Amino acid sequence: SGEINTVWESLSSHVLDTAKFTSTLGLKVRK
């Protein structure tokens, strides 16, 4: 349900937050 742009925004934010803030992936550290 809803407009395609809002659905995409919520989906992408959930995917990025899950990747960033969980201990599974995290951000790439450039060393």
Full PDB file with SEQRES, HELIX, SHEET, SSBOND, CRYST1, ORIGX, SCALE, CONECT and MASTER records, all heavy atoms in Angstrom:
SEQRES   1 A   31  SER GLY GLU ILE ASN THR VAL TRP GLU SER LEU SER SER          
SEQRES   2 A   31  HIS VAL LEU ASP THR ALA LYS PHE THR SER THR LEU GLY          
SEQRES   3 A   31  LEU LYS VAL ARG LYS                                          
HELIX    1 AA1 ILE A    4  PHE A   21  1                                  18    
CRYST1    1.000    1.000    1.000  90.00  90.00  90.00 P 1           1          
ORIGX1      1.000000  0.000000  0.000000        0.00000                         
ORIGX2      0.000000  1.000000  0.000000        0.00000                         
ORIGX3      0.000000  0.000000  1.000000        0.00000                         
SCALE1      1.000000  0.000000  0.000000        0.00000                         
SCALE2      0.000000  1.000000  0.000000        0.00000                         
SCALE3      0.000000  0.000000  1.000000        0.00000                         
ATOM      1  N   SER A   1       0.846  -1.199   0.000  1.00  0.00           N  
ATOM      2  CA  SER A   1       0.000   0.000   0.000  1.00  0.00           C  
ATOM      3  C   SER A   1       0.876   1.241   0.000  1.00  0.00           C  
ATOM      4  O   SER A   1       2.018   1.230   0.448  1.00  0.00           O  
ATOM      5  CB  SER A   1      -0.891   0.010   1.243  1.00  0.00           C  
ATOM      6  OG  SER A   1      -0.089   0.124   2.397  1.00  0.00           O  
ATOM      7  N   GLY A   2       0.356   2.329  -0.517  1.00  0.00           N  
ATOM      8  CA  GLY A   2       1.074   3.592  -0.518  1.00  0.00           C  
ATOM      9  C   GLY A   2       1.735   3.883  -1.851  1.00  0.00           C  
ATOM     10  O   GLY A   2       1.707   3.092  -2.793  1.00  0.00           O  
ATOM     11  N   GLU A   3       2.310   5.054  -1.902  1.00  0.00           N  
ATOM     12  CA  GLU A   3       2.991   5.499  -3.112  1.00  0.00           C  
ATOM     13  C   GLU A   3       4.331   4.786  -3.233  1.00  0.00           C  
ATOM     14  O   GLU A   3       4.970   4.428  -2.249  1.00  0.00           O  
ATOM     15  CB  GLU A   3       3.206   7.016  -3.033  1.00  0.00           C  
ATOM     16  CG  GLU A   3       3.716   7.603  -4.323  1.00  0.00           C  
ATOM     17  CD  GLU A   3       3.935   9.100  -4.199  1.00  0.00           C  
ATOM     18  OE1 GLU A   3       3.275   9.729  -3.368  1.00  0.00           O  
ATOM     19  OE2 GLU A   3       4.778   9.600  -4.947  1.00  0.00           O  
ATOM     20  N   ILE A   4       4.766   4.595  -4.456  1.00  0.00           N  
ATOM     21  CA  ILE A   4       5.973   3.817  -4.721  1.00  0.00           C  
ATOM     22  C   ILE A   4       7.213   4.474  -4.115  1.00  0.00           C  
ATOM     23  O   ILE A   4       8.103   3.783  -3.604  1.00  0.00           O  
ATOM     24  CB  ILE A   4       6.146   3.570  -6.247  1.00  0.00           C  
ATOM     25  CG1 ILE A   4       7.299   2.592  -6.529  1.00  0.00           C  
ATOM     26  CG2 ILE A   4       6.447   4.855  -6.965  1.00  0.00           C  
ATOM     27  CD1 ILE A   4       6.914   1.187  -6.354  1.00  0.00           C  
ATOM     28  N   ASN A   5       7.289   5.809  -4.127  1.00  0.00           N  
ATOM     29  CA  ASN A   5       8.464   6.505  -3.591  1.00  0.00           C  
ATOM     30  C   ASN A   5       8.573   6.348  -2.082  1.00  0.00           C  
ATOM     31  O   ASN A   5       9.666   6.148  -1.548  1.00  0.00           O  
ATOM     32  CB  ASN A   5       8.430   7.988  -3.967  1.00  0.00           C  
ATOM     33  CG  ASN A   5       8.658   8.194  -5.451  1.00  0.00           C  
ATOM     34  OD1 ASN A   5       9.308   7.377  -6.102  1.00  0.00           O  
ATOM     35  ND2 ASN A   5       8.119   9.268  -5.983  1.00  0.00           N  
ATOM     36  N   THR A   6       7.454   6.440  -1.386  1.00  0.00           N  
ATOM     37  CA  THR A   6       7.497   6.284   0.073  1.00  0.00           C  
ATOM     38  C   THR A   6       7.828   4.842   0.458  1.00  0.00           C  
ATOM     39  O   THR A   6       8.544   4.606   1.430  1.00  0.00           O  
ATOM     40  CB  THR A   6       6.169   6.702   0.706  1.00  0.00           C  
ATOM     41  OG1 THR A   6       5.109   5.932   0.131  1.00  0.00           O  
ATOM     42  CG2 THR A   6       5.908   8.179   0.509  1.00  0.00           C  
ATOM     43  N   VAL A   7       7.289   3.899  -0.308  1.00  0.00           N  
ATOM     44  CA  VAL A   7       7.600   2.491  -0.038  1.00  0.00           C  
ATOM     45  C   VAL A   7       9.087   2.233  -0.261  1.00  0.00           C  
ATOM     46  O   VAL A   7       9.744   1.556   0.541  1.00  0.00           O  
ATOM     47  CB  VAL A   7       6.737   1.563  -0.932  1.00  0.00           C  
ATOM     48  CG1 VAL A   7       7.197   0.134  -0.835  1.00  0.00           C  
ATOM     49  CG2 VAL A   7       5.276   1.682  -0.552  1.00  0.00           C  
ATOM     50  N   TRP A   8       9.618   2.792  -1.350  1.00  0.00           N  
ATOM     51  CA  TRP A   8      11.041   2.602  -1.633  1.00  0.00           C  
ATOM     52  C   TRP A   8      11.912   3.239  -0.553  1.00  0.00           C  
ATOM     53  O   TRP A   8      12.918   2.674  -0.132  1.00  0.00           O  
ATOM     54  CB  TRP A   8      11.396   3.168  -3.005  1.00  0.00           C  
ATOM     55  CG  TRP A   8      12.872   3.167  -3.236  1.00  0.00           C  
ATOM     56  CD1 TRP A   8      13.697   4.232  -3.317  1.00  0.00           C  
ATOM     57  CD2 TRP A   8      13.708   2.014  -3.380  1.00  0.00           C  
ATOM     58  NE1 TRP A   8      14.987   3.835  -3.508  1.00  0.00           N  
ATOM     59  CE2 TRP A   8      15.021   2.460  -3.543  1.00  0.00           C  
ATOM     60  CE3 TRP A   8      13.470   0.649  -3.390  1.00  0.00           C  
ATOM     61  CZ2 TRP A   8      16.086   1.612  -3.710  1.00  0.00           C  
ATOM     62  CZ3 TRP A   8      14.547  -0.204  -3.549  1.00  0.00           C  
ATOM     63  CH2 TRP A   8      15.833   0.270  -3.708  1.00  0.00           C  
ATOM     64  N   GLU A   9      11.549   4.449  -0.106  1.00  0.00           N  
ATOM     65  CA  GLU A   9      12.322   5.119   0.941  1.00  0.00           C  
ATOM     66  C   GLU A   9      12.349   4.293   2.221  1.00  0.00           C  
ATOM     67  O   GLU A   9      13.398   4.115   2.846  1.00  0.00           O  
ATOM     68  CB  GLU A   9      11.745   6.508   1.225  1.00  0.00           C  
ATOM     69  CG  GLU A   9      12.006   7.522   0.146  1.00  0.00           C  
ATOM     70  CD  GLU A   9      13.473   7.841   0.000  1.00  0.00           C  
ATOM     71  OE1 GLU A   9      14.203   7.864   1.011  1.00  0.00           O  
ATOM     72  OE2 GLU A   9      13.915   8.057  -1.149  1.00  0.00           O  
ATOM     73  N   SER A  10      11.181   3.774   2.618  1.00  0.00           N  
ATOM     74  CA  SER A  10      11.138   2.991   3.854  1.00  0.00           C  
ATOM     75  C   SER A  10      11.908   1.669   3.695  1.00  0.00           C  
ATOM     76  O   SER A  10      12.618   1.244   4.604  1.00  0.00           O  
ATOM     77  CB  SER A  10       9.695   2.722   4.273  1.00  0.00           C  
ATOM     78  OG  SER A  10       9.038   1.953   3.297  1.00  0.00           O  
ATOM     79  N   LEU A  11      11.780   1.037   2.527  1.00  0.00           N  
ATOM     80  CA  LEU A  11      12.487  -0.220   2.289  1.00  0.00           C  
ATOM     81  C   LEU A  11      14.008  -0.010   2.297  1.00  0.00           C  
ATOM     82  O   LEU A  11      14.742  -0.739   2.972  1.00  0.00           O  
ATOM     83  CB  LEU A  11      12.048  -0.827   0.955  1.00  0.00           C  
ATOM     84  CG  LEU A  11      12.733  -2.129   0.548  1.00  0.00           C  
ATOM     85  CD1 LEU A  11      12.348  -3.230   1.508  1.00  0.00           C  
ATOM     86  CD2 LEU A  11      12.368  -2.496  -0.872  1.00  0.00           C  
ATOM     87  N   SER A  12      14.470   1.004   1.580  1.00  0.00           N  
ATOM     88  CA  SER A  12      15.915   1.242   1.511  1.00  0.00           C  
ATOM     89  C   SER A  12      16.476   1.664   2.862  1.00  0.00           C  
ATOM     90  O   SER A  12      17.578   1.256   3.236  1.00  0.00           O  
ATOM     91  CB  SER A  12      16.241   2.285   0.447  1.00  0.00           C  
ATOM     92  OG  SER A  12      15.678   3.535   0.802  1.00  0.00           O  
ATOM     93  N   SER A  13      15.719   2.467   3.616  1.00  0.00           N  
ATOM     94  CA  SER A  13      16.223   2.873   4.931  1.00  0.00           C  
ATOM     95  C   SER A  13      16.313   1.681   5.880  1.00  0.00           C  
ATOM     96  O   SER A  13      17.263   1.569   6.657  1.00  0.00           O  
ATOM     97  CB  SER A  13      15.352   3.971   5.537  1.00  0.00           C  
ATOM     98  OG  SER A  13      14.078   3.458   5.841  1.00  0.00           O  
ATOM     99  N   HIS A  14      15.345   0.757   5.803  1.00  0.00           N  
ATOM    100  CA  HIS A  14      15.395  -0.433   6.650  1.00  0.00           C  
ATOM    101  C   HIS A  14      16.588  -1.334   6.273  1.00  0.00           C  
ATOM    102  O   HIS A  14      17.269  -1.878   7.152  1.00  0.00           O  
ATOM    103  CB  HIS A  14      14.086  -1.233   6.554  1.00  0.00           C  
ATOM    104  CG  HIS A  14      13.031  -0.753   7.481  1.00  0.00           C  
ATOM    105  ND1 HIS A  14      12.369   0.426   7.278  1.00  0.00           N  
ATOM    106  CD2 HIS A  14      12.542  -1.291   8.629  1.00  0.00           C  
ATOM    107  CE1 HIS A  14      11.492   0.601   8.244  1.00  0.00           C  
ATOM    108  NE2 HIS A  14      11.584  -0.428   9.089  1.00  0.00           N  
ATOM    109  N   VAL A  15      16.821  -1.485   4.980  1.00  0.00           N  
ATOM    110  CA  VAL A  15      17.934  -2.331   4.538  1.00  0.00           C  
ATOM    111  C   VAL A  15      19.268  -1.722   4.976  1.00  0.00           C  
ATOM    112  O   VAL A  15      20.149  -2.422   5.497  1.00  0.00           O  
ATOM    113  CB  VAL A  15      17.886  -2.543   3.009  1.00  0.00           C  
ATOM    114  CG1 VAL A  15      19.159  -3.194   2.513  1.00  0.00           C  
ATOM    115  CG2 VAL A  15      16.681  -3.372   2.633  1.00  0.00           C  
ATOM    116  N   LEU A  16      19.431  -0.395   4.782  1.00  0.00           N  
ATOM    117  CA  LEU A  16      20.684   0.261   5.174  1.00  0.00           C  
ATOM    118  C   LEU A  16      20.880   0.253   6.683  1.00  0.00           C  
ATOM    119  O   LEU A  16      21.983   0.017   7.171  1.00  0.00           O  
ATOM    120  CB  LEU A  16      20.711   1.696   4.651  1.00  0.00           C  
ATOM    121  CG  LEU A  16      21.034   1.855   3.184  1.00  0.00           C  
ATOM    122  CD1 LEU A  16      20.941   3.316   2.771  1.00  0.00           C  
ATOM    123  CD2 LEU A  16      22.412   1.316   2.881  1.00  0.00           C  
ATOM    124  N   ASP A  17      19.817   0.517   7.430  1.00  0.00           N  
ATOM    125  CA  ASP A  17      19.944   0.504   8.888  1.00  0.00           C  
ATOM    126  C   ASP A  17      20.299  -0.880   9.402  1.00  0.00           C  
ATOM    127  O   ASP A  17      21.094  -1.025  10.331  1.00  0.00           O  
ATOM    128  CB  ASP A  17      18.651   0.995   9.541  1.00  0.00           C  
ATOM    129  CG  ASP A  17      18.420   2.479   9.326  1.00  0.00           C  
ATOM    130  OD1 ASP A  17      19.389   3.169   8.951  1.00  0.00           O  
ATOM    131  OD2 ASP A  17      17.281   2.944   9.528  1.00  0.00           O  
ATOM    132  N   THR A  18      19.705  -1.893   8.812  1.00  0.00           N  
ATOM    133  CA  THR A  18      20.020  -3.262   9.223  1.00  0.00           C  
ATOM    134  C   THR A  18      21.477  -3.588   8.917  1.00  0.00           C  
ATOM    135  O   THR A  18      22.165  -4.219   9.716  1.00  0.00           O  
ATOM    136  CB  THR A  18      19.097  -4.264   8.510  1.00  0.00           C  
ATOM    137  OG1 THR A  18      17.741  -3.892   8.767  1.00  0.00           O  
ATOM    138  CG2 THR A  18      19.333  -5.670   9.006  1.00  0.00           C  
ATOM    139  N   ALA A  19      21.955  -3.143   7.775  1.00  0.00           N  
ATOM    140  CA  ALA A  19      23.344  -3.425   7.397  1.00  0.00           C  
ATOM    141  C   ALA A  19      24.325  -2.622   8.245  1.00  0.00           C  
ATOM    142  O   ALA A  19      25.375  -3.126   8.635  1.00  0.00           O  
ATOM    143  CB  ALA A  19      23.560  -3.119   5.925  1.00  0.00           C  
ATOM    144  N   LYS A  20      23.992  -1.360   8.538  1.00  0.00           N  
ATOM    145  CA  LYS A  20      24.910  -0.499   9.267  1.00  0.00           C  
ATOM    146  C   LYS A  20      24.987  -0.827  10.753  1.00  0.00           C  
ATOM    147  O   LYS A  20      26.070  -0.941  11.308  1.00  0.00           O  
ATOM    148  CB  LYS A  20      24.485   0.971   9.138  1.00  0.00           C  
ATOM    149  CG  LYS A  20      25.037   1.672   7.945  1.00  0.00           C  
ATOM    150  CD  LYS A  20      24.936   3.163   8.079  1.00  0.00           C  
ATOM    151  CE  LYS A  20      23.520   3.649   7.943  1.00  0.00           C  
ATOM    152  NZ  LYS A  20      23.422   5.108   7.860  1.00  0.00           N  
ATOM    153  N   PHE A  21      23.839  -0.951  11.374  1.00  0.00           N  
ATOM    154  CA  PHE A  21      23.809  -0.955  12.824  1.00  0.00           C  
ATOM    155  C   PHE A  21      23.771  -2.344  13.449  1.00  0.00           C  
ATOM    156  O   PHE A  21      23.795  -2.465  14.659  1.00  0.00           O  
ATOM    157  CB  PHE A  21      22.641  -0.117  13.321  1.00  0.00           C  
ATOM    158  CG  PHE A  21      22.728   1.315  12.867  1.00  0.00           C  
ATOM    159  CD1 PHE A  21      21.753   1.864  12.073  1.00  0.00           C  
ATOM    160  CD2 PHE A  21      23.818   2.086  13.212  1.00  0.00           C  
ATOM    161  CE1 PHE A  21      21.831   3.178  11.657  1.00  0.00           C  
ATOM    162  CE2 PHE A  21      23.918   3.397  12.790  1.00  0.00           C  
ATOM    163  CZ  PHE A  21      22.922   3.943  12.014  1.00  0.00           C  
ATOM    164  N   THR A  22      23.685  -3.367  12.670  1.00  0.00           N  
ATOM    165  CA  THR A  22      23.759  -4.699  13.257  1.00  0.00           C  
ATOM    166  C   THR A  22      25.200  -5.171  13.237  1.00  0.00           C  
ATOM    167  O   THR A  22      26.042  -4.633  12.532  1.00  0.00           O  
ATOM    168  CB  THR A  22      22.883  -5.714  12.476  1.00  0.00           C  
ATOM    169  OG1 THR A  22      23.351  -5.758  11.136  1.00  0.00           O  
ATOM    170  CG2 THR A  22      21.424  -5.319  12.516  1.00  0.00           C  
ATOM    171  N   SER A  23      25.463  -6.190  13.992  1.00  0.00           N  
ATOM    172  CA  SER A  23      26.832  -6.688  14.068  1.00  0.00           C  
ATOM    173  C   SER A  23      27.180  -7.581  12.884  1.00  0.00           C  
ATOM    174  O   SER A  23      28.312  -8.043  12.771  1.00  0.00           O  
ATOM    175  CB  SER A  23      27.018  -7.466  15.369  1.00  0.00           C  
ATOM    176  OG  SER A  23      26.147  -8.574  15.381  1.00  0.00           O  
ATOM    177  N   THR A  24      26.238  -7.811  11.999  1.00  0.00           N  
ATOM    178  CA  THR A  24      26.518  -8.714  10.885  1.00  0.00           C  
ATOM    179  C   THR A  24      27.418  -8.070   9.845  1.00  0.00           C  
ATOM    180  O   THR A  24      28.439  -8.633   9.482  1.00  0.00           O  
ATOM    181  CB  THR A  24      25.215  -9.175  10.219  1.00  0.00           C  
ATOM    182  OG1 THR A  24      24.450  -8.029   9.887  1.00  0.00           O  
ATOM    183  CG2 THR A  24      24.431 -10.062  11.152  1.00  0.00           C  
ATOM    184  N   LEU A  25      27.036  -6.907   9.324  1.00  0.00           N  
ATOM    185  CA  LEU A  25      27.852  -6.272   8.280  1.00  0.00           C  
ATOM    186  C   LEU A  25      28.668  -5.111   8.826  1.00  0.00           C  
ATOM    187  O   LEU A  25      29.878  -5.167   8.882  1.00  0.00           O  
ATOM    188  CB  LEU A  25      26.975  -5.777   7.134  1.00  0.00           C  
ATOM    189  CG  LEU A  25      26.355  -6.836   6.236  1.00  0.00           C  
ATOM    190  CD1 LEU A  25      25.619  -6.175   5.103  1.00  0.00           C  
ATOM    191  CD2 LEU A  25      27.382  -7.781   5.724  1.00  0.00           C  
ATOM    192  N   GLY A  26      28.009  -4.036   9.162  1.00  0.00           N  
ATOM    193  CA  GLY A  26      28.707  -2.854   9.643  1.00  0.00           C  
ATOM    194  C   GLY A  26      29.296  -2.053   8.505  1.00  0.00           C  
ATOM    195  O   GLY A  26      29.214  -2.417   7.339  1.00  0.00           O  
ATOM    196  N   LEU A  27      29.882  -0.926   8.858  1.00  0.00           N  
ATOM    197  CA  LEU A  27      30.504  -0.065   7.862  1.00  0.00           C  
ATOM    198  C   LEU A  27      31.914  -0.533   7.565  1.00  0.00           C  
ATOM    199  O   LEU A  27      32.592  -1.106   8.412  1.00  0.00           O  
ATOM    200  CB  LEU A  27      30.536   1.383   8.364  1.00  0.00           C  
ATOM    201  CG  LEU A  27      29.182   2.041   8.556  1.00  0.00           C  
ATOM    202  CD1 LEU A  27      29.361   3.429   9.159  1.00  0.00           C  
ATOM    203  CD2 LEU A  27      28.428   2.131   7.257  1.00  0.00           C  
ATOM    204  N   LYS A  28      32.341  -0.264   6.354  1.00  0.00           N  
ATOM    205  CA  LYS A  28      33.683  -0.650   5.944  1.00  0.00           C  
ATOM    206  C   LYS A  28      34.668   0.352   6.526  1.00  0.00           C  
ATOM    207  O   LYS A  28      34.515   1.561   6.391  1.00  0.00           O  
ATOM    208  CB  LYS A  28      33.780  -0.648   4.425  1.00  0.00           C  
ATOM    209  CG  LYS A  28      35.021  -1.279   3.890  1.00  0.00           C  
ATOM    210  CD  LYS A  28      34.926  -1.422   2.393  1.00  0.00           C  
ATOM    211  CE  LYS A  28      36.008  -2.331   1.879  1.00  0.00           C  
ATOM    212  NZ  LYS A  28      35.879  -2.544   0.451  1.00  0.00           N  
ATOM    213  N   VAL A  29      35.663  -0.164   7.196  1.00  0.00           N  
ATOM    214  CA  VAL A  29      36.679   0.685   7.802  1.00  0.00           C  
ATOM    215  C   VAL A  29      37.852   0.768   6.844  1.00  0.00           C  
ATOM    216  O   VAL A  29      38.399  -0.243   6.423  1.00  0.00           O  
ATOM    217  CB  VAL A  29      37.139   0.104   9.154  1.00  0.00           C  
ATOM    218  CG1 VAL A  29      38.228   0.965   9.758  1.00  0.00           C  
ATOM    219  CG2 VAL A  29      35.967  -0.022  10.098  1.00  0.00           C  
ATOM    220  N   ARG A  30      38.197   1.971   6.515  1.00  0.00           N  
ATOM    221  CA  ARG A  30      39.310   2.176   5.605  1.00  0.00           C  
ATOM    222  C   ARG A  30      40.553   2.421   6.443  1.00  0.00           C  
ATOM    223  O   ARG A  30      40.696   3.438   7.107  1.00  0.00           O  
ATOM    224  CB  ARG A  30      39.035   3.379   4.717  1.00  0.00           C  
ATOM    225  CG  ARG A  30      40.055   3.572   3.663  1.00  0.00           C  
ATOM    226  CD  ARG A  30      39.635   4.660   2.722  1.00  0.00           C  
ATOM    227  NE  ARG A  30      40.705   4.922   1.806  1.00  0.00           N  
ATOM    228  CZ  ARG A  30      40.732   5.932   0.986  1.00  0.00           C  
ATOM    229  NH1 ARG A  30      39.732   6.766   0.970  1.00  0.00           N  
ATOM    230  NH2 ARG A  30      41.733   6.109   0.175  1.00  0.00           N  
ATOM    231  N   LYS A  31      41.448   1.485   6.418  1.00  0.00           N  
ATOM    232  CA  LYS A  31      42.651   1.564   7.231  1.00  0.00           C  
ATOM    233  C   LYS A  31      43.871   1.417   6.333  1.00  0.00           C  
ATOM    234  O   LYS A  31      43.954   0.499   5.549  1.00  0.00           O  
ATOM    235  CB  LYS A  31      42.660   0.458   8.279  1.00  0.00           C  
ATOM    236  CG  LYS A  31      43.829   0.550   9.232  1.00  0.00           C  
ATOM    237  CD  LYS A  31      43.763  -0.566  10.235  1.00  0.00           C  
ATOM    238  CE  LYS A  31      44.896  -0.505  11.215  1.00  0.00           C  
ATOM    239  NZ  LYS A  31      46.193  -0.710  10.673  1.00  0.00           N  
TER     240      LYS A  31                                                      
MASTER        0    0    0    1    0    0    0    6  239    1    0    3          
END                                                                             
